[in-house]
Each structure stands twice: as structure tokens, then as C-alpha cells.
Amino acid sequence: MRFDHLDYYELVSDYCQEYQTEFGKRKFEKIYQKIQTSNKVSKLLFNARQKRAIPNKNDYLYSLNEIPYFIFSKADTLALGALLALERWNKECNKDIVFANESVLKDIACKILEDCSKIKINL
């Protein structure tokens, strides 16, 4: 997968739009709400803020595997959830004190999508 032509925000926006087109706005909204209200994601963000650390792709994907809704989800849904969690971290933790610039955010997003595409291929 190549994302060289997109910046971080375009990448997340395009993926969200494609997901809504393929699976519907209602499912997208449900996943968005799961990420916004998840105690597991909140704990990840709290720990990252306390340690002044940038969560990596594994942190996001492992957190999702602890949320019952995502345990048996398809790769597309995991990718969306992880990207939404990354964007939540960006807005809640990264906005005031920039730990990660757009290049770092894009790198994490690309790694999330690459890992999830491997899951999709192996199914």
C-alpha cells in the first residue's frame, strides 16, 4: 500500500470516507462512538500523556483487542478503530504539546493500515 501522495489528515479522512461508502454511515458512527467512549482507549491515552510518549501501531491494535466489540471484527473495522484512536490521541494529547508531527502521525497510520491489510490477506 502506498500513501506517499497523501498527508496524515487526507489519509485518515479518505479511509473514513471509504469505510462509510463500503459499510455505511451507521456502522462508522457506531465505531466512532466505541472509540470515543472506550475505557481501554482512554487508559492508553492517559498512560501516553503521563509518560509523554507516542503510542505506536501495536498500542492501538492491542487496545482494540481488549474491547469486546473489536475482538472478532474484520480487518477494515480494526483499521478504522485504530485510526480513530490515533486521531483521538492527536486531538486530546498531541494538540497542546506536539509530541508527534504530521510525518510521525502518518507513519503510525500507514503502519496500522499495513498491519490490518496483512490480516485481511491472511483470512
PDB file of N, CA and C in Angstrom:
ATOM      1  N   MET A   1       0.837  -1.172   0.000  1.00  0.00           N
ATOM      2  CA  MET A   1       0.000   0.000   0.000  1.00  0.00           C
ATOM      3  C   MET A   1       0.888   1.244   0.000  1.00  0.00           C
ATOM      4  N   ARG A   2       0.582   2.162  -0.850  1.00  0.00           N
ATOM      5  CA  ARG A   2       1.362   3.397  -0.971  1.00  0.00           C
ATOM      6  C   ARG A   2       0.472   4.586  -0.627  1.00  0.00           C
ATOM      7  N   PHE A   3       0.996   5.423   0.237  1.00  0.00           N
ATOM      8  CA  PHE A   3       0.244   6.603   0.658  1.00  0.00           C
ATOM      9  C   PHE A   3       1.079   7.865   0.502  1.00  0.00           C
ATOM     10  N   ASP A   4       2.099   7.808  -0.341  1.00  0.00           N
ATOM     11  CA  ASP A   4       3.034   8.920  -0.475  1.00  0.00           C
ATOM     12  C   ASP A   4       2.353  10.230  -0.867  1.00  0.00           C
ATOM     13  N   HIS A   5       1.310  10.140  -1.652  1.00  0.00           N
ATOM     14  CA  HIS A   5       0.654  11.335  -2.178  1.00  0.00           C
ATOM     15  C   HIS A   5      -0.307  12.002  -1.179  1.00  0.00           C
ATOM     16  N   LEU A   6      -0.542  11.357  -0.026  1.00  0.00           N
ATOM     17  CA  LEU A   6      -1.481  11.889   0.956  1.00  0.00           C
ATOM     18  C   LEU A   6      -0.749  12.372   2.206  1.00  0.00           C
ATOM     19  N   ASP A   7      -1.279  13.436   2.823  1.00  0.00           N
ATOM     20  CA  ASP A   7      -0.758  13.789   4.141  1.00  0.00           C
ATOM     21  C   ASP A   7      -1.581  13.019   5.176  1.00  0.00           C
ATOM     22  N   TYR A   8      -1.235  13.156   6.436  1.00  0.00           N
ATOM     23  CA  TYR A   8      -1.900  12.399   7.505  1.00  0.00           C
ATOM     24  C   TYR A   8      -3.410  12.622   7.522  1.00  0.00           C
ATOM     25  N   TYR A   9      -3.812  13.882   7.492  1.00  0.00           N
ATOM     26  CA  TYR A   9      -5.238  14.196   7.588  1.00  0.00           C
ATOM     27  C   TYR A   9      -6.010  13.683   6.382  1.00  0.00           C
ATOM     28  N   GLU A  10      -5.425  13.756   5.201  1.00  0.00           N
ATOM     29  CA  GLU A  10      -6.071  13.219   3.998  1.00  0.00           C
ATOM     30  C   GLU A  10      -6.199  11.700   4.094  1.00  0.00           C
ATOM     31  N   LEU A  11      -5.159  11.060   4.612  1.00  0.00           N
ATOM     32  CA  LEU A  11      -5.162   9.606   4.749  1.00  0.00           C
ATOM     33  C   LEU A  11      -6.300   9.149   5.661  1.00  0.00           C
ATOM     34  N   VAL A  12      -6.414   9.763   6.829  1.00  0.00           N
ATOM     35  CA  VAL A  12      -7.472   9.393   7.778  1.00  0.00           C
ATOM     36  C   VAL A  12      -8.849   9.721   7.192  1.00  0.00           C
ATOM     37  N   SER A  13      -8.983  10.898   6.617  1.00  0.00           N
ATOM     38  CA  SER A  13     -10.250  11.310   6.031  1.00  0.00           C
ATOM     39  C   SER A  13     -10.675  10.382   4.893  1.00  0.00           C
ATOM     40  N   ASP A  14      -9.735  10.053   4.007  1.00  0.00           N
ATOM     41  CA  ASP A  14     -10.043   9.159   2.884  1.00  0.00           C
ATOM     42  C   ASP A  14     -10.465   7.776   3.369  1.00  0.00           C
ATOM     43  N   TYR A  15      -9.744   7.258   4.384  1.00  0.00           N
ATOM     44  CA  TYR A  15     -10.102   5.932   4.886  1.00  0.00           C
ATOM     45  C   TYR A  15     -11.488   5.948   5.516  1.00  0.00           C
ATOM     46  N   CYS A  16     -11.768   6.974   6.294  1.00  0.00           N
ATOM     47  CA  CYS A  16     -13.092   7.094   6.922  1.00  0.00           C
ATOM     48  C   CYS A  16     -14.189   7.178   5.864  1.00  0.00           C
ATOM     49  N   GLN A  17     -13.939   7.944   4.820  1.00  0.00           N
ATOM     50  CA  GLN A  17     -14.923   8.089   3.742  1.00  0.00           C
ATOM     51  C   GLN A  17     -15.133   6.765   3.007  1.00  0.00           C
ATOM     52  N   GLU A  18     -14.039   6.063   2.714  1.00  0.00           N
ATOM     53  CA  GLU A  18     -14.152   4.764   2.039  1.00  0.00           C
ATOM     54  C   GLU A  18     -14.908   3.763   2.905  1.00  0.00           C
ATOM     55  N   TYR A  19     -14.630   3.786   4.209  1.00  0.00           N
ATOM     56  CA  TYR A  19     -15.314   2.872   5.122  1.00  0.00           C
ATOM     57  C   TYR A  19     -16.819   3.153   5.122  1.00  0.00           C
ATOM     58  N   GLN A  20     -17.191   4.424   5.190  1.00  0.00           N
ATOM     59  CA  GLN A  20     -18.604   4.784   5.186  1.00  0.00           C
ATOM     60  C   GLN A  20     -19.272   4.378   3.880  1.00  0.00           C
ATOM     61  N   THR A  21     -18.560   4.525   2.780  1.00  0.00           N
ATOM     62  CA  THR A  21     -19.110   4.145   1.481  1.00  0.00           C
ATOM     63  C   THR A  21     -19.353   2.646   1.416  1.00  0.00           C
ATOM     64  N   GLU A  22     -18.392   1.870   1.939  1.00  0.00           N
ATOM     65  CA  GLU A  22     -18.498   0.416   1.844  1.00  0.00           C
ATOM     66  C   GLU A  22     -19.439  -0.187   2.892  1.00  0.00           C
ATOM     67  N   PHE A  23     -19.392   0.322   4.124  1.00  0.00           N
ATOM     68  CA  PHE A  23     -20.132  -0.309   5.224  1.00  0.00           C
ATOM     69  C   PHE A  23     -21.267   0.534   5.792  1.00  0.00           C
ATOM     70  N   GLY A  24     -21.346   1.786   5.396  1.00  0.00           N
ATOM     71  CA  GLY A  24     -22.443   2.629   5.838  1.00  0.00           C
ATOM     72  C   GLY A  24     -22.075   3.583   6.962  1.00  0.00           C
ATOM     73  N   LYS A  25     -22.769   4.695   6.961  1.00  0.00           N
ATOM     74  CA  LYS A  25     -22.532   5.742   7.960  1.00  0.00           C
ATOM     75  C   LYS A  25     -22.897   5.276   9.364  1.00  0.00           C
ATOM     76  N   ARG A  26     -23.947   4.480   9.477  1.00  0.00           N
ATOM     77  CA  ARG A  26     -24.382   3.998  10.790  1.00  0.00           C
ATOM     78  C   ARG A  26     -23.297   3.150  11.459  1.00  0.00           C
ATOM     79  N   LYS A  27     -22.675   2.258  10.701  1.00  0.00           N
ATOM     80  CA  LYS A  27     -21.606   1.428  11.277  1.00  0.00           C
ATOM     81  C   LYS A  27     -20.393   2.291  11.626  1.00  0.00           C
ATOM     82  N   PHE A  28     -20.072   3.244  10.764  1.00  0.00           N
ATOM     83  CA  PHE A  28     -18.968   4.158  11.051  1.00  0.00           C
ATOM     84  C   PHE A  28     -19.219   4.897  12.364  1.00  0.00           C
ATOM     85  N   GLU A  29     -20.424   5.434  12.521  1.00  0.00           N
ATOM     86  CA  GLU A  29     -20.775   6.183  13.728  1.00  0.00           C
ATOM     87  C   GLU A  29     -20.708   5.302  14.972  1.00  0.00           C
ATOM     88  N   LYS A  30     -21.107   4.051  14.845  1.00  0.00           N
ATOM     89  CA  LYS A  30     -21.045   3.123  15.978  1.00  0.00           C
ATOM     90  C   LYS A  30     -19.601   2.905  16.414  1.00  0.00           C
ATOM     91  N   ILE A  31     -18.707   2.711  15.447  1.00  0.00           N
ATOM     92  CA  ILE A  31     -17.292   2.508  15.756  1.00  0.00           C
ATOM     93  C   ILE A  31     -16.694   3.776  16.344  1.00  0.00           C
ATOM     94  N   TYR A  32     -17.066   4.917  15.776  1.00  0.00           N
ATOM     95  CA  TYR A  32     -16.584   6.199  16.292  1.00  0.00           C
ATOM     96  C   TYR A  32     -16.970   6.353  17.761  1.00  0.00           C
ATOM     97  N   GLN A  33     -18.211   6.044  18.095  1.00  0.00           N
ATOM     98  CA  GLN A  33     -18.672   6.150  19.478  1.00  0.00           C
ATOM     99  C   GLN A  33     -17.964   5.157  20.393  1.00  0.00           C
ATOM    100  N   LYS A  34     -17.710   3.950  19.897  1.00  0.00           N
ATOM    101  CA  LYS A  34     -16.975   2.951  20.693  1.00  0.00           C
ATOM    102  C   LYS A  34     -15.597   3.482  21.070  1.00  0.00           C
ATOM    103  N   ILE A  35     -14.922   4.118  20.129  1.00  0.00           N
ATOM    104  CA  ILE A  35     -13.566   4.646  20.377  1.00  0.00           C
ATOM    105  C   ILE A  35     -13.629   5.843  21.323  1.00  0.00           C
ATOM    106  N   GLN A  36     -14.608   6.710  21.136  1.00  0.00           N
ATOM    107  CA  GLN A  36     -14.724   7.905  21.969  1.00  0.00           C
ATOM    108  C   GLN A  36     -15.069   7.575  23.422  1.00  0.00           C
ATOM    109  N   THR A  37     -15.792   6.499  23.646  1.00  0.00           N
ATOM    110  CA  THR A  37     -16.245   6.166  24.994  1.00  0.00           C
ATOM    111  C   THR A  37     -15.495   4.993  25.624  1.00  0.00           C
ATOM    112  N   SER A  38     -14.530   4.445  24.921  1.00  0.00           N
ATOM    113  CA  SER A  38     -13.811   3.264  25.400  1.00  0.00           C
ATOM    114  C   SER A  38     -12.902   3.581  26.589  1.00  0.00           C
ATOM    115  N   ASN A  39     -13.057   2.806  27.657  1.00  0.00           N
ATOM    116  CA  ASN A  39     -12.160   2.922  28.805  1.00  0.00           C
ATOM    117  C   ASN A  39     -10.755   2.456  28.454  1.00  0.00           C
ATOM    118  N   LYS A  40     -10.644   1.458  27.585  1.00  0.00           N
ATOM    119  CA  LYS A  40      -9.323   0.940  27.187  1.00  0.00           C
ATOM    120  C   LYS A  40      -8.546   1.993  26.403  1.00  0.00           C
ATOM    121  N   VAL A  41      -9.206   2.663  25.482  1.00  0.00           N
ATOM    122  CA  VAL A  41      -8.548   3.723  24.717  1.00  0.00           C
ATOM    123  C   VAL A  41      -8.231   4.899  25.635  1.00  0.00           C
ATOM    124  N   SER A  42      -9.145   5.230  26.529  1.00  0.00           N
ATOM    125  CA  SER A  42      -8.890   6.319  27.480  1.00  0.00           C
ATOM    126  C   SER A  42      -7.682   6.006  28.356  1.00  0.00           C
ATOM    127  N   LYS A  43      -7.567   4.762  28.773  1.00  0.00           N
ATOM    128  CA  LYS A  43      -6.415   4.353  29.593  1.00  0.00           C
ATOM    129  C   LYS A  43      -5.119   4.469  28.787  1.00  0.00           C
ATOM    130  N   LEU A  44      -5.158   4.049  27.537  1.00  0.00           N
ATOM    131  CA  LEU A  44      -3.980   4.174  26.672  1.00  0.00           C
ATOM    132  C   LEU A  44      -3.566   5.634  26.552  1.00  0.00           C
ATOM    133  N   LEU A  45      -4.522   6.508  26.315  1.00  0.00           N
ATOM    134  CA  LEU A  45      -4.221   7.931  26.169  1.00  0.00           C
ATOM    135  C   LEU A  45      -3.722   8.531  27.476  1.00  0.00           C
ATOM    136  N   PHE A  46      -4.307   8.128  28.590  1.00  0.00           N
ATOM    137  CA  PHE A  46      -3.870   8.620  29.890  1.00  0.00           C
ATOM    138  C   PHE A  46      -2.415   8.222  30.149  1.00  0.00           C
ATOM    139  N   ASN A  47      -2.103   6.949  29.907  1.00  0.00           N
ATOM    140  CA  ASN A  47      -0.728   6.468  30.110  1.00  0.00           C
ATOM    141  C   ASN A  47       0.260   7.164  29.185  1.00  0.00           C
ATOM    142  N   ALA A  48      -0.142   7.365  27.949  1.00  0.00           N
ATOM    143  CA  ALA A  48       0.736   8.050  26.992  1.00  0.00           C
ATOM    144  C   ALA A  48       0.996   9.488  27.437  1.00  0.00           C
ATOM    145  N   ARG A  49      -0.048  10.150  27.905  1.00  0.00           N
ATOM    146  CA  ARG A  49       0.096  11.534  28.376  1.00  0.00           C
ATOM    147  C   ARG A  49       1.021  11.584  29.599  1.00  0.00           C
ATOM    148  N   GLN A  50       0.833  10.659  30.528  1.00  0.00           N
ATOM    149  CA  GLN A  50       1.652  10.634  31.733  1.00  0.00           C
ATOM    150  C   GLN A  50       3.124  10.382  31.419  1.00  0.00           C
ATOM    151  N   LYS A  51       3.361   9.485  30.460  1.00  0.00           N
ATOM    152  CA  LYS A  51       4.738   9.135  30.088  1.00  0.00           C
ATOM    153  C   LYS A  51       5.312  10.072  29.030  1.00  0.00           C
ATOM    154  N   ARG A  52       4.452  10.969  28.526  1.00  0.00           N
ATOM    155  CA  ARG A  52       4.844  11.864  27.438  1.00  0.00           C
ATOM    156  C   ARG A  52       5.399  11.042  26.260  1.00  0.00           C
ATOM    157  N   ALA A  53       4.639  10.020  25.913  1.00  0.00           N
ATOM    158  CA  ALA A  53       5.048   9.079  24.873  1.00  0.00           C
ATOM    159  C   ALA A  53       4.038   9.069  23.728  1.00  0.00           C
ATOM    160  N   ILE A  54       4.499   8.618  22.602  1.00  0.00           N
ATOM    161  CA  ILE A  54       3.652   8.476  21.423  1.00  0.00           C
ATOM    162  C   ILE A  54       3.285   6.999  21.287  1.00  0.00           C
ATOM    163  N   PRO A  55       2.009   6.643  21.420  1.00  0.00           N
ATOM    164  CA  PRO A  55       1.634   5.241  21.229  1.00  0.00           C
ATOM    165  C   PRO A  55       1.930   4.801  19.795  1.00  0.00           C
ATOM    166  N   ASN A  56       2.388   3.567  19.638  1.00  0.00           N
ATOM    167  CA  ASN A  56       2.668   3.051  18.292  1.00  0.00           C
ATOM    168  C   ASN A  56       1.490   2.211  17.794  1.00  0.00           C
ATOM    169  N   LYS A  57       1.624   1.692  16.610  1.00  0.00           N
ATOM    170  CA  LYS A  57       0.523   0.933  15.995  1.00  0.00           C
ATOM    171  C   LYS A  57       0.084  -0.232  16.868  1.00  0.00           C
ATOM    172  N   ASN A  58       1.042  -0.913  17.493  1.00  0.00           N
ATOM    173  CA  ASN A  58       0.693  -2.060  18.335  1.00  0.00           C
ATOM    174  C   ASN A  58      -0.119  -1.630  19.552  1.00  0.00           C
ATOM    175  N   ASP A  59       0.204  -0.487  20.123  1.00  0.00           N
ATOM    176  CA  ASP A  59      -0.555   0.006  21.267  1.00  0.00           C
ATOM    177  C   ASP A  59      -2.031   0.168  20.907  1.00  0.00           C
ATOM    178  N   TYR A  60      -2.283   0.740  19.743  1.00  0.00           N
ATOM    179  CA  TYR A  60      -3.670   0.946  19.310  1.00  0.00           C
ATOM    180  C   TYR A  60      -4.360  -0.378  19.000  1.00  0.00           C
ATOM    181  N   LEU A  61      -3.690  -1.235  18.249  1.00  0.00           N
ATOM    182  CA  LEU A  61      -4.304  -2.502  17.854  1.00  0.00           C
ATOM    183  C   LEU A  61      -4.518  -3.414  19.057  1.00  0.00           C
ATOM    184  N   TYR A  62      -3.583  -3.463  19.998  1.00  0.00           N
ATOM    185  CA  TYR A  62      -3.753  -4.281  21.201  1.00  0.00           C
ATOM    186  C   TYR A  62      -4.883  -3.745  22.073  1.00  0.00           C
ATOM    187  N   SER A  63      -4.997  -2.432  22.161  1.00  0.00           N
ATOM    188  CA  SER A  63      -6.100  -1.842  22.930  1.00  0.00           C
ATOM    189  C   SER A  63      -7.447  -2.255  22.343  1.00  0.00           C
ATOM    190  N   LEU A  64      -7.530  -2.269  21.020  1.00  0.00           N
ATOM    191  CA  LEU A  64      -8.789  -2.663  20.383  1.00  0.00           C
ATOM    192  C   LEU A  64      -9.127  -4.113  20.668  1.00  0.00           C
ATOM    193  N   ASN A  65      -8.110  -4.956  20.750  1.00  0.00           N
ATOM    194  CA  ASN A  65      -8.355  -6.375  21.021  1.00  0.00           C
ATOM    195  C   ASN A  65      -8.859  -6.624  22.441  1.00  0.00           C
ATOM    196  N   GLU A  66      -8.831  -5.609  23.293  1.00  0.00           N
ATOM    197  CA  GLU A  66      -9.372  -5.719  24.644  1.00  0.00           C
ATOM    198  C   GLU A  66     -10.805  -5.183  24.726  1.00  0.00           C
ATOM    199  N   ILE A  67     -11.303  -4.646  23.636  1.00  0.00           N
ATOM    200  CA  ILE A  67     -12.668  -4.120  23.587  1.00  0.00           C
ATOM    201  C   ILE A  67     -13.543  -5.193  22.935  1.00  0.00           C
ATOM    202  N   PRO A  68     -14.549  -5.698  23.648  1.00  0.00           N
ATOM    203  CA  PRO A  68     -15.352  -6.803  23.103  1.00  0.00           C
ATOM    204  C   PRO A  68     -15.861  -6.583  21.673  1.00  0.00           C
ATOM    205  N   TYR A  69     -16.281  -5.386  21.347  1.00  0.00           N
ATOM    206  CA  TYR A  69     -16.817  -5.113  20.004  1.00  0.00           C
ATOM    207  C   TYR A  69     -15.798  -5.448  18.911  1.00  0.00           C
ATOM    208  N   PHE A  70     -14.519  -5.240  19.178  1.00  0.00           N
ATOM    209  CA  PHE A  70     -13.491  -5.392  18.153  1.00  0.00           C
ATOM    210  C   PHE A  70     -12.832  -6.771  18.125  1.00  0.00           C
ATOM    211  N   ILE A  71     -13.097  -7.614  19.097  1.00  0.00           N
ATOM    212  CA  ILE A  71     -12.384  -8.894  19.192  1.00  0.00           C
ATOM    213  C   ILE A  71     -12.532  -9.734  17.927  1.00  0.00           C
ATOM    214  N   PHE A  72     -13.724  -9.834  17.391  1.00  0.00           N
ATOM    215  CA  PHE A  72     -13.950 -10.651  16.194  1.00  0.00           C
ATOM    216  C   PHE A  72     -14.227  -9.802  14.956  1.00  0.00           C
ATOM    217  N   SER A  73     -13.818  -8.551  14.991  1.00  0.00           N
ATOM    218  CA  SER A  73     -14.060  -7.646  13.866  1.00  0.00           C
ATOM    219  C   SER A  73     -13.133  -7.945  12.691  1.00  0.00           C
ATOM    220  N   LYS A  74     -13.594  -7.537  11.523  1.00  0.00           N
ATOM    221  CA  LYS A  74     -12.783  -7.670  10.313  1.00  0.00           C
ATOM    222  C   LYS A  74     -11.650  -6.654  10.330  1.00  0.00           C
ATOM    223  N   ALA A  75     -10.684  -6.882   9.480  1.00  0.00           N
ATOM    224  CA  ALA A  75      -9.502  -6.025   9.403  1.00  0.00           C
ATOM    225  C   ALA A  75      -9.866  -4.572   9.105  1.00  0.00           C
ATOM    226  N   ASP A  76     -10.869  -4.357   8.254  1.00  0.00           N
ATOM    227  CA  ASP A  76     -11.287  -2.987   7.920  1.00  0.00           C
ATOM    228  C   ASP A  76     -11.774  -2.238   9.156  1.00  0.00           C
ATOM    229  N   THR A  77     -12.517  -2.934   9.995  1.00  0.00           N
ATOM    230  CA  THR A  77     -13.057  -2.326  11.207  1.00  0.00           C
ATOM    231  C   THR A  77     -11.946  -2.059  12.218  1.00  0.00           C
ATOM    232  N   LEU A  78     -11.005  -2.997  12.343  1.00  0.00           N
ATOM    233  CA  LEU A  78      -9.853  -2.779  13.222  1.00  0.00           C
ATOM    234  C   LEU A  78      -9.043  -1.574  12.765  1.00  0.00           C
ATOM    235  N   ALA A  79      -8.830  -1.464  11.463  1.00  0.00           N
ATOM    236  CA  ALA A  79      -8.064  -0.337  10.925  1.00  0.00           C
ATOM    237  C   ALA A  79      -8.768   0.981  11.235  1.00  0.00           C
ATOM    238  N   LEU A  80     -10.072   1.014  11.027  1.00  0.00           N
ATOM    239  CA  LEU A  80     -10.822   2.234  11.312  1.00  0.00           C
ATOM    240  C   LEU A  80     -10.742   2.576  12.794  1.00  0.00           C
ATOM    241  N   GLY A  81     -10.955   1.593  13.655  1.00  0.00           N
ATOM    242  CA  GLY A  81     -10.889   1.829  15.086  1.00  0.00           C
ATOM    243  C   GLY A  81      -9.533   2.352  15.524  1.00  0.00           C
ATOM    244  N   ALA A  82      -8.474   1.762  14.998  1.00  0.00           N
ATOM    245  CA  ALA A  82      -7.120   2.199  15.357  1.00  0.00           C
ATOM    246  C   ALA A  82      -6.839   3.606  14.838  1.00  0.00           C
ATOM    247  N   LEU A  83      -7.282   3.912  13.620  1.00  0.00           N
ATOM    248  CA  LEU A  83      -7.084   5.263  13.088  1.00  0.00           C
ATOM    249  C   LEU A  83      -7.874   6.298  13.892  1.00  0.00           C
ATOM    250  N   LEU A  84      -9.079   5.945  14.297  1.00  0.00           N
ATOM    251  CA  LEU A  84      -9.875   6.866  15.106  1.00  0.00           C
ATOM    252  C   LEU A  84      -9.251   7.051  16.492  1.00  0.00           C
ATOM    253  N   ALA A  85      -8.665   5.987  17.043  1.00  0.00           N
ATOM    254  CA  ALA A  85      -7.973   6.103  18.332  1.00  0.00           C
ATOM    255  C   ALA A  85      -6.727   6.977  18.194  1.00  0.00           C
ATOM    256  N   LEU A  86      -6.005   6.816  17.092  1.00  0.00           N
ATOM    257  CA  LEU A  86      -4.833   7.657  16.822  1.00  0.00           C
ATOM    258  C   LEU A  86      -5.257   9.121  16.710  1.00  0.00           C
ATOM    259  N   GLU A  87      -6.336   9.369  16.017  1.00  0.00           N
ATOM    260  CA  GLU A  87      -6.811  10.748  15.870  1.00  0.00           C
ATOM    261  C   GLU A  87      -7.313  11.294  17.209  1.00  0.00           C
ATOM    262  N   ARG A  88      -7.904  10.435  18.021  1.00  0.00           N
ATOM    263  CA  ARG A  88      -8.314  10.872  19.365  1.00  0.00           C
ATOM    264  C   ARG A  88      -7.073  11.273  20.173  1.00  0.00           C
ATOM    265  N   TRP A  89      -6.015  10.473  20.108  1.00  0.00           N
ATOM    266  CA  TRP A  89      -4.770  10.821  20.800  1.00  0.00           C
ATOM    267  C   TRP A  89      -4.223  12.140  20.256  1.00  0.00           C
ATOM    268  N   ASN A  90      -4.264  12.300  18.951  1.00  0.00           N
ATOM    269  CA  ASN A  90      -3.762  13.523  18.323  1.00  0.00           C
ATOM    270  C   ASN A  90      -4.511  14.744  18.854  1.00  0.00           C
ATOM    271  N   LYS A  91      -5.821  14.650  18.958  1.00  0.00           N
ATOM    272  CA  LYS A  91      -6.622  15.793  19.407  1.00  0.00           C
ATOM    273  C   LYS A  91      -6.531  16.029  20.913  1.00  0.00           C
ATOM    274  N   GLU A  92      -6.475  14.961  21.693  1.00  0.00           N
ATOM    275  CA  GLU A  92      -6.503  15.109  23.145  1.00  0.00           C
ATOM    276  C   GLU A  92      -5.124  15.289  23.777  1.00  0.00           C
ATOM    277  N   CYS A  93      -4.114  14.663  23.214  1.00  0.00           N
ATOM    278  CA  CYS A  93      -2.786  14.675  23.835  1.00  0.00           C
ATOM    279  C   CYS A  93      -1.750  15.454  23.039  1.00  0.00           C
ATOM    280  N   ASN A  94      -1.836  15.369  21.749  1.00  0.00           N
ATOM    281  CA  ASN A  94      -0.793  15.913  20.890  1.00  0.00           C
ATOM    282  C   ASN A  94      -1.026  17.378  20.538  1.00  0.00           C
ATOM    283  N   LYS A  95      -2.238  17.866  20.681  1.00  0.00           N
ATOM    284  CA  LYS A  95      -2.569  19.203  20.186  1.00  0.00           C
ATOM    285  C   LYS A  95      -1.863  20.324  20.939  1.00  0.00           C
ATOM    286  N   ASP A  96      -1.743  20.202  22.254  1.00  0.00           N
ATOM    287  CA  ASP A  96      -1.141  21.272  23.048  1.00  0.00           C
ATOM    288  C   ASP A  96       0.388  21.242  23.009  1.00  0.00           C
ATOM    289  N   ILE A  97       0.931  20.090  23.304  1.00  0.00           N
ATOM    290  CA  ILE A  97       2.385  19.907  23.259  1.00  0.00           C
ATOM    291  C   ILE A  97       2.632  18.896  22.158  1.00  0.00           C
ATOM    292  N   VAL A  98       3.173  19.340  21.066  1.00  0.00           N
ATOM    293  CA  VAL A  98       3.317  18.471  19.897  1.00  0.00           C
ATOM    294  C   VAL A  98       4.422  17.443  20.144  1.00  0.00           C
ATOM    295  N   PHE A  99       3.979  16.216  20.448  1.00  0.00           N
ATOM    296  CA  PHE A  99       4.907  15.105  20.581  1.00  0.00           C
ATOM    297  C   PHE A  99       5.240  14.550  19.200  1.00  0.00           C
ATOM    298  N   ALA A 100       4.223  14.499  18.362  1.00  0.00           N
ATOM    299  CA  ALA A 100       4.362  13.900  17.039  1.00  0.00           C
ATOM    300  C   ALA A 100       3.930  14.899  15.982  1.00  0.00           C
ATOM    301  N   ASN A 101       4.801  15.127  15.014  1.00  0.00           N
ATOM    302  CA  ASN A 101       4.420  15.986  13.897  1.00  0.00           C
ATOM    303  C   ASN A 101       3.622  15.167  12.886  1.00  0.00           C
ATOM    304  N   GLU A 102       3.199  15.805  11.824  1.00  0.00           N
ATOM    305  CA  GLU A 102       2.350  15.127  10.846  1.00  0.00           C
ATOM    306  C   GLU A 102       3.039  13.922  10.203  1.00  0.00           C
ATOM    307  N   SER A 103       4.329  14.000  10.023  1.00  0.00           N
ATOM    308  CA  SER A 103       5.076  12.890   9.441  1.00  0.00           C
ATOM    309  C   SER A 103       5.035  11.653  10.339  1.00  0.00           C
ATOM    310  N   VAL A 104       5.198  11.852  11.635  1.00  0.00           N
ATOM    311  CA  VAL A 104       5.143  10.734  12.583  1.00  0.00           C
ATOM    312  C   VAL A 104       3.736  10.152  12.632  1.00  0.00           C
ATOM    313  N   LEU A 105       2.729  11.022  12.658  1.00  0.00           N
ATOM    314  CA  LEU A 105       1.342  10.558  12.656  1.00  0.00           C
ATOM    315  C   LEU A 105       1.035   9.742  11.400  1.00  0.00           C
ATOM    316  N   LYS A 106       1.493  10.207  10.272  1.00  0.00           N
ATOM    317  CA  LYS A 106       1.259   9.493   9.019  1.00  0.00           C
ATOM    318  C   LYS A 106       1.953   8.140   9.038  1.00  0.00           C
ATOM    319  N   ASP A 107       3.159   8.094   9.588  1.00  0.00           N
ATOM    320  CA  ASP A 107       3.902   6.834   9.670  1.00  0.00           C
ATOM    321  C   ASP A 107       3.128   5.819  10.514  1.00  0.00           C
ATOM    322  N   ILE A 108       2.608   6.247  11.652  1.00  0.00           N
ATOM    323  CA  ILE A 108       1.831   5.349  12.507  1.00  0.00           C
ATOM    324  C   ILE A 108       0.569   4.889  11.776  1.00  0.00           C
ATOM    325  N   ALA A 109      -0.127   5.816  11.129  1.00  0.00           N
ATOM    326  CA  ALA A 109      -1.349   5.472  10.394  1.00  0.00           C
ATOM    327  C   ALA A 109      -1.058   4.467   9.279  1.00  0.00           C
ATOM    328  N   CYS A 110       0.017   4.680   8.552  1.00  0.00           N
ATOM    329  CA  CYS A 110       0.384   3.753   7.473  1.00  0.00           C
ATOM    330  C   CYS A 110       0.694   2.363   8.018  1.00  0.00           C
ATOM    331  N   LYS A 111       1.386   2.306   9.149  1.00  0.00           N
ATOM    332  CA  LYS A 111       1.710   1.008   9.760  1.00  0.00           C
ATOM    333  C   LYS A 111       0.454   0.299  10.245  1.00  0.00           C
ATOM    334  N   ILE A 112      -0.499   1.047  10.769  1.00  0.00           N
ATOM    335  CA  ILE A 112      -1.782   0.456  11.170  1.00  0.00           C
ATOM    336  C   ILE A 112      -2.459  -0.163   9.944  1.00  0.00           C
ATOM    337  N   LEU A 113      -2.540   0.591   8.869  1.00  0.00           N
ATOM    338  CA  LEU A 113      -3.202   0.091   7.655  1.00  0.00           C
ATOM    339  C   LEU A 113      -2.459  -1.093   7.051  1.00  0.00           C
ATOM    340  N   GLU A 114      -1.139  -1.065   7.081  1.00  0.00           N
ATOM    341  CA  GLU A 114      -0.356  -2.185   6.553  1.00  0.00           C
ATOM    342  C   GLU A 114      -0.588  -3.451   7.376  1.00  0.00           C
ATOM    343  N   ASP A 115      -0.581  -3.327   8.702  1.00  0.00           N
ATOM    344  CA  ASP A 115      -0.837  -4.489   9.550  1.00  0.00           C
ATOM    345  C   ASP A 115      -2.226  -5.049   9.315  1.00  0.00           C
ATOM    346  N   CYS A 116      -3.208  -4.188   9.213  1.00  0.00           N
ATOM    347  CA  CYS A 116      -4.573  -4.630   9.003  1.00  0.00           C
ATOM    348  C   CYS A 116      -4.759  -5.245   7.610  1.00  0.00           C
ATOM    349  N   SER A 117      -4.028  -4.765   6.632  1.00  0.00           N
ATOM    350  CA  SER A 117      -4.132  -5.365   5.298  1.00  0.00           C
ATOM    351  C   SER A 117      -3.527  -6.765   5.296  1.00  0.00           C
ATOM    352  N   LYS A 118      -2.534  -7.013   6.136  1.00  0.00           N
ATOM    353  CA  LYS A 118      -1.961  -8.365   6.272  1.00  0.00           C
ATOM    354  C   LYS A 118      -2.985  -9.303   6.878  1.00  0.00           C
ATOM    355  N   ILE A 119      -3.740  -8.809   7.857  1.00  0.00           N
ATOM    356  CA  ILE A 119      -4.800  -9.616   8.468  1.00  0.00           C
ATOM    357  C   ILE A 119      -5.829  -9.986   7.415  1.00  0.00           C
ATOM    358  N   LYS A 120      -6.192  -8.996   6.601  1.00  0.00           N
ATOM    359  CA  LYS A 120      -7.209  -9.192   5.559  1.00  0.00           C
ATOM    360  C   LYS A 120      -6.755 -10.240   4.546  1.00  0.00           C
ATOM    361  N   ILE A 121      -5.478 -10.189   4.186  1.00  0.00           N
ATOM    362  CA  ILE A 121      -4.933 -11.138   3.198  1.00  0.00           C
ATOM    363  C   ILE A 121      -4.907 -12.551   3.772  1.00  0.00           C
ATOM    364  N   ASN A 122      -4.592 -12.684   5.069  1.00  0.00           N
ATOM    365  CA  ASN A 122      -4.473 -13.996   5.689  1.00  0.00           C
ATOM    366  C   ASN A 122      -5.823 -14.669   5.952  1.00  0.00           C
ATOM    367  N   LEU A 123      -6.915 -13.908   5.859  1.00  0.00           N
ATOM    368  CA  LEU A 123      -8.230 -14.518   6.107  1.00  0.00           C
ATOM    369  C   LEU A 123      -8.700 -15.293   4.946  1.00  0.00           C
TER     370      LEU A 123
END
